[in-house]
Amino acid sequence: LRRMRAEVLFDSISQVTDTKNKFGGLPLGARAVQIANGNTSNYFLTTFGRAKRESVCACEVKMEPNLSQALHLLNGDTVNSKIKAGNVLGKLADQGLSPDEIINQLYVRCLSRLPTAKEKQTIKTILDAEKDKKSVLEDVFWSLLNSREFLFNH
């Protein structure tokens, strides 16, 4: 297992949440991997060890996980704001999909697979117990984006 590099992770989160990035000097929708110089950055990229590009050596990249990264994924604004801004759940609901179908779509979107029977049953149990289905589905989306399966290359 190897964690995705900062730029790739940021672009992956943007893609699955259907949001566009804005970096200084680049057009709306540019990907983090397109940033040519080390002066353009954001908090997420800095926290996750983006290279400053002061040399051509790949040794500048910091791949070791740390507490700041974990806290930013869990409590930071990147994942939550992108989930809300992209409105993926709203778009899926507008297509008339059931919560069960939305769960399948979220798993395929985030993990490129359908949920296992156990995962689906766990989510269904929580959905059945809660009145606010959208909130539960947002939590599922958030948890998928914070899962090891999403964050790491296998």
N, C-alpha and C. Protein backbone atom coordinates (compact mmCIF):
# COMPACT_ATOMS: atom_id res chain seq x y z
N LEU A 1 0.84 -1.19 0.00
CA LEU A 1 0.00 0.00 0.00
C LEU A 1 0.87 1.24 0.00
N ARG A 2 0.46 2.23 -0.78
CA ARG A 2 1.19 3.48 -0.86
C ARG A 2 0.17 4.61 -0.96
N ARG A 3 0.29 5.61 -0.07
CA ARG A 3 -0.65 6.73 -0.11
C ARG A 3 -0.46 7.52 -1.40
N MET A 4 -1.56 8.02 -1.92
CA MET A 4 -1.47 8.86 -3.12
C MET A 4 -0.70 10.14 -2.78
N ARG A 5 0.00 10.66 -3.77
CA ARG A 5 0.70 11.93 -3.59
C ARG A 5 -0.33 13.04 -3.41
N ALA A 6 0.10 14.13 -2.80
CA ALA A 6 -0.79 15.24 -2.45
C ALA A 6 -1.63 15.71 -3.63
N GLU A 7 -0.98 15.96 -4.76
CA GLU A 7 -1.70 16.48 -5.92
C GLU A 7 -2.71 15.47 -6.45
N VAL A 8 -2.33 14.21 -6.49
CA VAL A 8 -3.21 13.17 -7.01
C VAL A 8 -4.41 12.97 -6.07
N LEU A 9 -4.15 13.00 -4.78
CA LEU A 9 -5.24 12.86 -3.81
C LEU A 9 -6.22 14.02 -3.92
N PHE A 10 -5.70 15.24 -4.00
CA PHE A 10 -6.57 16.41 -4.12
C PHE A 10 -7.40 16.33 -5.40
N ASP A 11 -6.78 15.95 -6.51
CA ASP A 11 -7.51 15.81 -7.77
C ASP A 11 -8.54 14.69 -7.70
N SER A 12 -8.21 13.60 -7.01
CA SER A 12 -9.16 12.49 -6.86
C SER A 12 -10.39 12.91 -6.08
N ILE A 13 -10.16 13.64 -4.98
CA ILE A 13 -11.28 14.14 -4.18
C ILE A 13 -12.13 15.08 -5.02
N SER A 14 -11.49 15.95 -5.80
CA SER A 14 -12.22 16.89 -6.65
C SER A 14 -13.03 16.15 -7.71
N GLN A 15 -12.45 15.11 -8.28
CA GLN A 15 -13.16 14.38 -9.33
C GLN A 15 -14.38 13.65 -8.79
N VAL A 16 -14.24 12.93 -7.68
CA VAL A 16 -15.39 12.17 -7.19
C VAL A 16 -16.47 13.06 -6.60
N THR A 17 -16.10 14.26 -6.14
CA THR A 17 -17.10 15.19 -5.62
C THR A 17 -17.65 16.12 -6.70
N ASP A 18 -17.13 15.98 -7.91
CA ASP A 18 -17.60 16.77 -9.06
C ASP A 18 -17.41 18.28 -8.83
N THR A 19 -16.23 18.66 -8.31
CA THR A 19 -15.92 20.06 -8.07
C THR A 19 -14.73 20.49 -8.92
N LYS A 20 -14.67 21.78 -9.17
CA LYS A 20 -13.56 22.35 -9.95
C LYS A 20 -12.61 23.10 -9.01
N ASN A 21 -11.33 22.94 -9.27
CA ASN A 21 -10.31 23.63 -8.47
C ASN A 21 -9.98 24.98 -9.07
N LYS A 22 -9.55 25.90 -8.23
CA LYS A 22 -9.04 27.18 -8.71
C LYS A 22 -7.70 27.43 -8.03
N PHE A 23 -6.66 27.46 -8.85
CA PHE A 23 -5.32 27.76 -8.40
C PHE A 23 -4.86 29.03 -9.10
N GLY A 24 -4.12 29.86 -8.37
CA GLY A 24 -3.62 31.11 -8.94
C GLY A 24 -2.83 30.88 -10.22
N GLY A 25 -3.16 31.64 -11.25
CA GLY A 25 -2.45 31.54 -12.51
C GLY A 25 -2.93 30.41 -13.42
N LEU A 26 -3.90 29.65 -12.98
CA LEU A 26 -4.43 28.56 -13.79
C LEU A 26 -5.95 28.74 -13.94
N PRO A 27 -6.52 28.25 -15.04
CA PRO A 27 -7.97 28.41 -15.24
C PRO A 27 -8.77 27.56 -14.26
N LEU A 28 -10.01 27.95 -14.07
CA LEU A 28 -10.94 27.19 -13.24
C LEU A 28 -11.02 25.76 -13.76
N GLY A 29 -10.92 24.81 -12.87
CA GLY A 29 -10.99 23.42 -13.28
C GLY A 29 -9.63 22.78 -13.49
N ALA A 30 -8.57 23.56 -13.34
CA ALA A 30 -7.22 23.00 -13.49
C ALA A 30 -7.00 21.96 -12.40
N ARG A 31 -6.19 20.98 -12.72
CA ARG A 31 -5.90 19.93 -11.76
C ARG A 31 -4.64 20.29 -10.98
N ALA A 32 -4.54 19.80 -9.77
CA ALA A 32 -3.38 20.09 -8.92
C ALA A 32 -2.09 19.57 -9.55
N VAL A 33 -2.17 18.48 -10.30
CA VAL A 33 -0.97 17.95 -10.95
C VAL A 33 -0.46 18.86 -12.06
N GLN A 34 -1.26 19.85 -12.47
CA GLN A 34 -0.85 20.79 -13.51
C GLN A 34 -0.08 21.99 -12.96
N ILE A 35 -0.01 22.12 -11.65
CA ILE A 35 0.70 23.25 -11.06
C ILE A 35 2.18 23.09 -11.35
N ALA A 36 2.73 24.05 -12.07
CA ALA A 36 4.12 23.93 -12.51
C ALA A 36 5.12 24.44 -11.47
N ASN A 37 4.76 25.47 -10.75
CA ASN A 37 5.75 26.02 -9.80
C ASN A 37 5.36 25.74 -8.36
N GLY A 38 6.32 25.87 -7.48
CA GLY A 38 6.08 25.59 -6.07
C GLY A 38 5.42 26.72 -5.32
N ASN A 39 5.23 27.88 -5.96
CA ASN A 39 4.63 29.03 -5.29
C ASN A 39 3.11 28.92 -5.20
N THR A 40 2.50 28.19 -6.13
CA THR A 40 1.05 28.03 -6.12
C THR A 40 0.71 26.80 -5.30
N SER A 41 -0.08 27.00 -4.29
CA SER A 41 -0.42 25.87 -3.43
C SER A 41 -1.70 26.19 -2.65
N ASN A 42 -2.10 25.25 -1.83
CA ASN A 42 -3.19 25.48 -0.89
C ASN A 42 -2.90 24.65 0.36
N TYR A 43 -3.70 24.83 1.38
CA TYR A 43 -3.44 24.18 2.66
C TYR A 43 -3.41 22.66 2.53
N PHE A 44 -4.35 22.11 1.77
CA PHE A 44 -4.40 20.66 1.60
C PHE A 44 -3.09 20.14 1.01
N LEU A 45 -2.64 20.77 -0.07
CA LEU A 45 -1.42 20.30 -0.74
C LEU A 45 -0.20 20.43 0.17
N THR A 46 -0.12 21.52 0.90
CA THR A 46 0.99 21.71 1.83
C THR A 46 0.96 20.66 2.94
N THR A 47 -0.21 20.42 3.50
CA THR A 47 -0.37 19.45 4.59
C THR A 47 -0.01 18.04 4.14
N PHE A 48 -0.35 17.71 2.92
CA PHE A 48 -0.11 16.35 2.43
C PHE A 48 1.24 16.18 1.74
N GLY A 49 2.13 17.16 1.88
CA GLY A 49 3.52 16.98 1.48
C GLY A 49 3.84 17.28 0.04
N ARG A 50 3.13 18.20 -0.57
CA ARG A 50 3.45 18.58 -1.94
C ARG A 50 4.87 19.15 -1.99
N ALA A 51 5.63 18.75 -3.00
CA ALA A 51 7.00 19.23 -3.17
C ALA A 51 7.00 20.72 -3.49
N LYS A 52 7.98 21.44 -2.98
CA LYS A 52 8.10 22.86 -3.26
C LYS A 52 8.68 23.11 -4.64
N ARG A 53 9.19 22.07 -5.26
CA ARG A 53 9.76 22.11 -6.61
C ARG A 53 10.92 23.08 -6.71
N GLU A 54 11.75 23.05 -5.67
CA GLU A 54 12.97 23.86 -5.68
C GLU A 54 14.10 23.14 -6.40
N SER A 55 13.93 21.84 -6.59
CA SER A 55 14.92 21.05 -7.34
C SER A 55 14.16 19.99 -8.12
N VAL A 56 14.88 19.27 -8.95
CA VAL A 56 14.23 18.23 -9.75
C VAL A 56 14.19 16.90 -9.03
N CYS A 57 14.69 16.87 -7.83
CA CYS A 57 14.76 15.64 -7.03
C CYS A 57 13.38 15.29 -6.45
N ALA A 58 13.00 14.05 -6.61
CA ALA A 58 11.73 13.58 -6.04
C ALA A 58 11.80 13.46 -4.52
N CYS A 59 12.98 13.68 -3.96
CA CYS A 59 13.15 13.56 -2.51
C CYS A 59 12.44 14.68 -1.75
N GLU A 60 11.98 15.71 -2.43
CA GLU A 60 11.25 16.79 -1.78
C GLU A 60 9.85 16.36 -1.34
N VAL A 61 9.31 15.36 -1.98
CA VAL A 61 7.96 14.91 -1.69
C VAL A 61 7.95 14.18 -0.35
N LYS A 62 7.01 14.58 0.51
CA LYS A 62 6.86 13.93 1.82
C LYS A 62 5.65 13.02 1.77
N MET A 63 5.88 11.73 1.87
CA MET A 63 4.79 10.76 1.76
C MET A 63 4.38 10.18 3.10
N GLU A 64 5.11 10.46 4.17
CA GLU A 64 4.78 9.88 5.46
C GLU A 64 3.50 10.50 6.01
N PRO A 65 2.56 9.66 6.44
CA PRO A 65 1.35 10.21 7.04
C PRO A 65 1.68 10.87 8.38
N ASN A 66 0.93 11.90 8.72
CA ASN A 66 1.13 12.56 10.01
C ASN A 66 -0.21 12.99 10.59
N LEU A 67 -0.16 13.47 11.81
CA LEU A 67 -1.38 13.85 12.52
C LEU A 67 -2.13 14.98 11.82
N SER A 68 -1.41 15.95 11.28
CA SER A 68 -2.07 17.07 10.58
C SER A 68 -2.92 16.58 9.41
N GLN A 69 -2.41 15.59 8.70
CA GLN A 69 -3.16 15.04 7.57
C GLN A 69 -4.44 14.36 8.04
N ALA A 70 -4.30 13.54 9.06
CA ALA A 70 -5.48 12.84 9.59
C ALA A 70 -6.52 13.83 10.09
N LEU A 71 -6.07 14.83 10.82
CA LEU A 71 -7.01 15.83 11.34
C LEU A 71 -7.67 16.62 10.22
N HIS A 72 -6.89 16.94 9.18
CA HIS A 72 -7.48 17.70 8.07
C HIS A 72 -8.53 16.87 7.34
N LEU A 73 -8.27 15.59 7.14
CA LEU A 73 -9.27 14.74 6.49
C LEU A 73 -10.52 14.60 7.34
N LEU A 74 -10.33 14.44 8.63
CA LEU A 74 -11.46 14.22 9.53
C LEU A 74 -12.24 15.50 9.84
N ASN A 75 -11.52 16.60 10.06
CA ASN A 75 -12.18 17.83 10.52
C ASN A 75 -11.99 19.02 9.59
N GLY A 76 -11.11 18.91 8.63
CA GLY A 76 -10.82 20.05 7.75
C GLY A 76 -11.96 20.33 6.80
N ASP A 77 -11.81 21.42 6.09
CA ASP A 77 -12.90 21.85 5.22
C ASP A 77 -12.82 21.28 3.81
N THR A 78 -11.71 20.69 3.41
CA THR A 78 -11.58 20.24 2.02
C THR A 78 -12.63 19.22 1.64
N VAL A 79 -12.69 18.10 2.33
CA VAL A 79 -13.62 17.03 1.96
C VAL A 79 -15.07 17.48 2.15
N ASN A 80 -15.37 18.07 3.30
CA ASN A 80 -16.76 18.49 3.57
C ASN A 80 -17.23 19.56 2.59
N SER A 81 -16.39 20.55 2.33
CA SER A 81 -16.82 21.62 1.42
C SER A 81 -16.97 21.11 -0.01
N LYS A 82 -16.13 20.18 -0.42
CA LYS A 82 -16.25 19.64 -1.78
C LYS A 82 -17.49 18.74 -1.91
N ILE A 83 -17.82 17.99 -0.85
CA ILE A 83 -19.04 17.18 -0.89
C ILE A 83 -20.25 18.08 -1.07
N LYS A 84 -20.29 19.18 -0.33
CA LYS A 84 -21.43 20.10 -0.43
C LYS A 84 -21.43 20.86 -1.76
N ALA A 85 -20.27 21.36 -2.17
CA ALA A 85 -20.18 22.16 -3.40
C ALA A 85 -20.51 21.34 -4.64
N GLY A 86 -20.07 20.09 -4.69
CA GLY A 86 -20.32 19.26 -5.87
C GLY A 86 -21.74 18.77 -5.98
N ASN A 87 -22.44 18.69 -4.84
CA ASN A 87 -23.83 18.27 -4.79
C ASN A 87 -24.09 16.95 -5.53
N VAL A 88 -23.15 16.02 -5.41
CA VAL A 88 -23.30 14.73 -6.05
C VAL A 88 -24.56 14.02 -5.56
N LEU A 89 -24.80 14.07 -4.25
CA LEU A 89 -25.99 13.41 -3.71
C LEU A 89 -27.27 14.01 -4.26
N GLY A 90 -27.31 15.33 -4.38
CA GLY A 90 -28.48 16.00 -4.94
C GLY A 90 -28.71 15.60 -6.38
N LYS A 91 -27.63 15.52 -7.15
CA LYS A 91 -27.74 15.14 -8.56
C LYS A 91 -28.23 13.70 -8.70
N LEU A 92 -27.72 12.81 -7.83
CA LEU A 92 -28.18 11.42 -7.88
C LEU A 92 -29.64 11.31 -7.46
N ALA A 93 -30.05 12.07 -6.45
CA ALA A 93 -31.45 12.06 -6.01
C ALA A 93 -32.36 12.63 -7.10
N ASP A 94 -31.89 13.66 -7.81
CA ASP A 94 -32.68 14.25 -8.90
C ASP A 94 -32.91 13.26 -10.04
N GLN A 95 -32.05 12.26 -10.15
CA GLN A 95 -32.22 11.22 -11.17
C GLN A 95 -33.26 10.19 -10.75
N GLY A 96 -33.80 10.36 -9.53
CA GLY A 96 -34.82 9.45 -9.04
C GLY A 96 -34.27 8.16 -8.46
N LEU A 97 -32.99 8.15 -8.13
CA LEU A 97 -32.38 6.94 -7.58
C LEU A 97 -32.80 6.74 -6.12
N SER A 98 -32.97 5.49 -5.76
CA SER A 98 -33.30 5.15 -4.37
C SER A 98 -32.03 5.26 -3.52
N PRO A 99 -32.16 5.35 -2.20
CA PRO A 99 -30.97 5.37 -1.35
C PRO A 99 -30.04 4.18 -1.61
N ASP A 100 -30.61 3.02 -1.88
CA ASP A 100 -29.83 1.83 -2.18
C ASP A 100 -29.00 2.02 -3.45
N GLU A 101 -29.61 2.59 -4.48
CA GLU A 101 -28.90 2.86 -5.73
C GLU A 101 -27.85 3.96 -5.54
N ILE A 102 -28.15 4.94 -4.72
CA ILE A 102 -27.19 6.01 -4.44
C ILE A 102 -25.96 5.45 -3.74
N ILE A 103 -26.17 4.53 -2.81
CA ILE A 103 -25.04 3.89 -2.12
C ILE A 103 -24.16 3.18 -3.13
N ASN A 104 -24.78 2.43 -4.04
CA ASN A 104 -24.01 1.75 -5.09
C ASN A 104 -23.20 2.74 -5.91
N GLN A 105 -23.84 3.85 -6.30
CA GLN A 105 -23.16 4.87 -7.10
C GLN A 105 -21.99 5.48 -6.34
N LEU A 106 -22.17 5.74 -5.05
CA LEU A 106 -21.08 6.33 -4.25
C LEU A 106 -19.89 5.38 -4.16
N TYR A 107 -20.17 4.12 -3.95
CA TYR A 107 -19.08 3.14 -3.87
C TYR A 107 -18.33 3.03 -5.19
N VAL A 108 -19.06 2.96 -6.29
CA VAL A 108 -18.40 2.88 -7.59
C VAL A 108 -17.61 4.15 -7.86
N ARG A 109 -18.19 5.30 -7.55
CA ARG A 109 -17.53 6.59 -7.76
C ARG A 109 -16.24 6.70 -6.95
N CYS A 110 -16.27 6.28 -5.70
CA CYS A 110 -15.12 6.45 -4.79
C CYS A 110 -14.14 5.28 -4.82
N LEU A 111 -14.66 4.07 -4.89
CA LEU A 111 -13.79 2.90 -4.72
C LEU A 111 -13.75 1.99 -5.95
N SER A 112 -14.50 2.34 -6.98
CA SER A 112 -14.55 1.55 -8.23
C SER A 112 -15.04 0.13 -8.00
N ARG A 113 -15.92 -0.01 -7.03
CA ARG A 113 -16.53 -1.32 -6.76
C ARG A 113 -17.87 -1.11 -6.08
N LEU A 114 -18.69 -2.13 -6.11
CA LEU A 114 -19.96 -2.09 -5.38
C LEU A 114 -19.69 -2.43 -3.91
N PRO A 115 -20.57 -2.00 -3.03
CA PRO A 115 -20.39 -2.36 -1.62
C PRO A 115 -20.59 -3.86 -1.41
N THR A 116 -19.90 -4.39 -0.42
CA THR A 116 -20.11 -5.79 -0.07
C THR A 116 -21.48 -5.91 0.59
N ALA A 117 -21.95 -7.12 0.72
CA ALA A 117 -23.26 -7.34 1.36
C ALA A 117 -23.24 -6.81 2.80
N LYS A 118 -22.15 -7.02 3.49
CA LYS A 118 -22.04 -6.56 4.88
C LYS A 118 -22.05 -5.03 4.94
N GLU A 119 -21.29 -4.38 4.06
CA GLU A 119 -21.27 -2.91 4.03
C GLU A 119 -22.66 -2.35 3.73
N LYS A 120 -23.31 -2.95 2.75
CA LYS A 120 -24.64 -2.49 2.36
C LYS A 120 -25.64 -2.67 3.50
N GLN A 121 -25.57 -3.80 4.19
CA GLN A 121 -26.49 -4.06 5.29
C GLN A 121 -26.27 -3.08 6.44
N THR A 122 -25.01 -2.78 6.74
CA THR A 122 -24.69 -1.82 7.81
C THR A 122 -25.28 -0.45 7.48
N ILE A 123 -25.08 -0.01 6.26
CA ILE A 123 -25.60 1.31 5.84
C ILE A 123 -27.11 1.30 5.83
N LYS A 124 -27.70 0.22 5.34
CA LYS A 124 -29.17 0.12 5.29
C LYS A 124 -29.78 0.18 6.70
N THR A 125 -29.12 -0.47 7.66
CA THR A 125 -29.59 -0.45 9.05
C THR A 125 -29.59 0.98 9.58
N ILE A 126 -28.53 1.72 9.31
CA ILE A 126 -28.44 3.12 9.75
C ILE A 126 -29.47 3.97 9.04
N LEU A 127 -29.63 3.77 7.73
CA LEU A 127 -30.62 4.53 6.95
C LEU A 127 -32.03 4.29 7.47
N ASP A 128 -32.35 3.05 7.80
CA ASP A 128 -33.69 2.72 8.28
C ASP A 128 -33.98 3.35 9.64
N ALA A 129 -32.93 3.57 10.43
CA ALA A 129 -33.10 4.13 11.78
C ALA A 129 -33.16 5.66 11.79
N GLU A 130 -32.72 6.29 10.71
CA GLU A 130 -32.65 7.75 10.67
C GLU A 130 -33.73 8.33 9.76
N LYS A 131 -34.24 9.48 10.14
CA LYS A 131 -35.22 10.18 9.31
C LYS A 131 -34.54 10.96 8.20
N ASP A 132 -33.39 11.58 8.51
CA ASP A 132 -32.66 12.41 7.56
C ASP A 132 -31.74 11.55 6.70
N LYS A 133 -32.28 11.00 5.63
CA LYS A 133 -31.53 10.10 4.75
C LYS A 133 -30.36 10.82 4.08
N LYS A 134 -30.56 12.08 3.71
CA LYS A 134 -29.49 12.82 3.03
C LYS A 134 -28.27 12.95 3.93
N SER A 135 -28.49 13.21 5.19
CA SER A 135 -27.39 13.34 6.14
C SER A 135 -26.61 12.03 6.27
N VAL A 136 -27.32 10.93 6.30
CA VAL A 136 -26.67 9.62 6.38
C VAL A 136 -25.86 9.36 5.12
N LEU A 137 -26.43 9.68 3.96
CA LEU A 137 -25.71 9.47 2.70
C LEU A 137 -24.49 10.38 2.60
N GLU A 138 -24.58 11.62 3.12
CA GLU A 138 -23.40 12.49 3.17
C GLU A 138 -22.32 11.89 4.04
N ASP A 139 -22.72 11.30 5.16
CA ASP A 139 -21.75 10.63 6.05
C ASP A 139 -21.10 9.44 5.36
N VAL A 140 -21.88 8.69 4.59
CA VAL A 140 -21.32 7.56 3.84
C VAL A 140 -20.30 8.07 2.83
N PHE A 141 -20.66 9.11 2.09
CA PHE A 141 -19.76 9.71 1.10
C PHE A 141 -18.47 10.17 1.79
N TRP A 142 -18.60 10.89 2.89
CA TRP A 142 -17.45 11.37 3.64
C TRP A 142 -16.58 10.20 4.10
N SER A 143 -17.22 9.15 4.62
CA SER A 143 -16.44 8.01 5.12
C SER A 143 -15.71 7.28 4.00
N LEU A 144 -16.31 7.21 2.83
CA LEU A 144 -15.63 6.59 1.69
C LEU A 144 -14.41 7.40 1.28
N LEU A 145 -14.53 8.72 1.29
CA LEU A 145 -13.40 9.58 0.92
C LEU A 145 -12.30 9.56 1.98
N ASN A 146 -12.61 9.13 3.18
CA ASN A 146 -11.62 9.04 4.25
C ASN A 146 -11.15 7.60 4.48
N SER A 147 -11.58 6.68 3.66
CA SER A 147 -11.22 5.27 3.86
C SER A 147 -9.82 5.00 3.32
N ARG A 148 -9.18 4.00 3.90
CA ARG A 148 -7.86 3.58 3.42
C ARG A 148 -7.94 3.16 1.96
N GLU A 149 -9.03 2.54 1.59
CA GLU A 149 -9.19 2.06 0.22
C GLU A 149 -9.17 3.21 -0.79
N PHE A 150 -9.69 4.37 -0.39
CA PHE A 150 -9.66 5.54 -1.27
C PHE A 150 -8.30 6.23 -1.24
N LEU A 151 -7.72 6.37 -0.08
CA LEU A 151 -6.50 7.17 0.11
C LEU A 151 -5.21 6.50 -0.36
N PHE A 152 -5.24 5.19 -0.49
CA PHE A 152 -4.01 4.47 -0.81
C PHE A 152 -4.10 3.75 -2.14
N ASN A 153 -2.96 3.67 -2.85
CA ASN A 153 -2.86 2.85 -4.05
C ASN A 153 -2.60 1.42 -3.62
N HIS A 154 -3.28 0.48 -4.25
CA HIS A 154 -3.13 -0.93 -3.88
C HIS A 154 -2.32 -1.65 -4.94
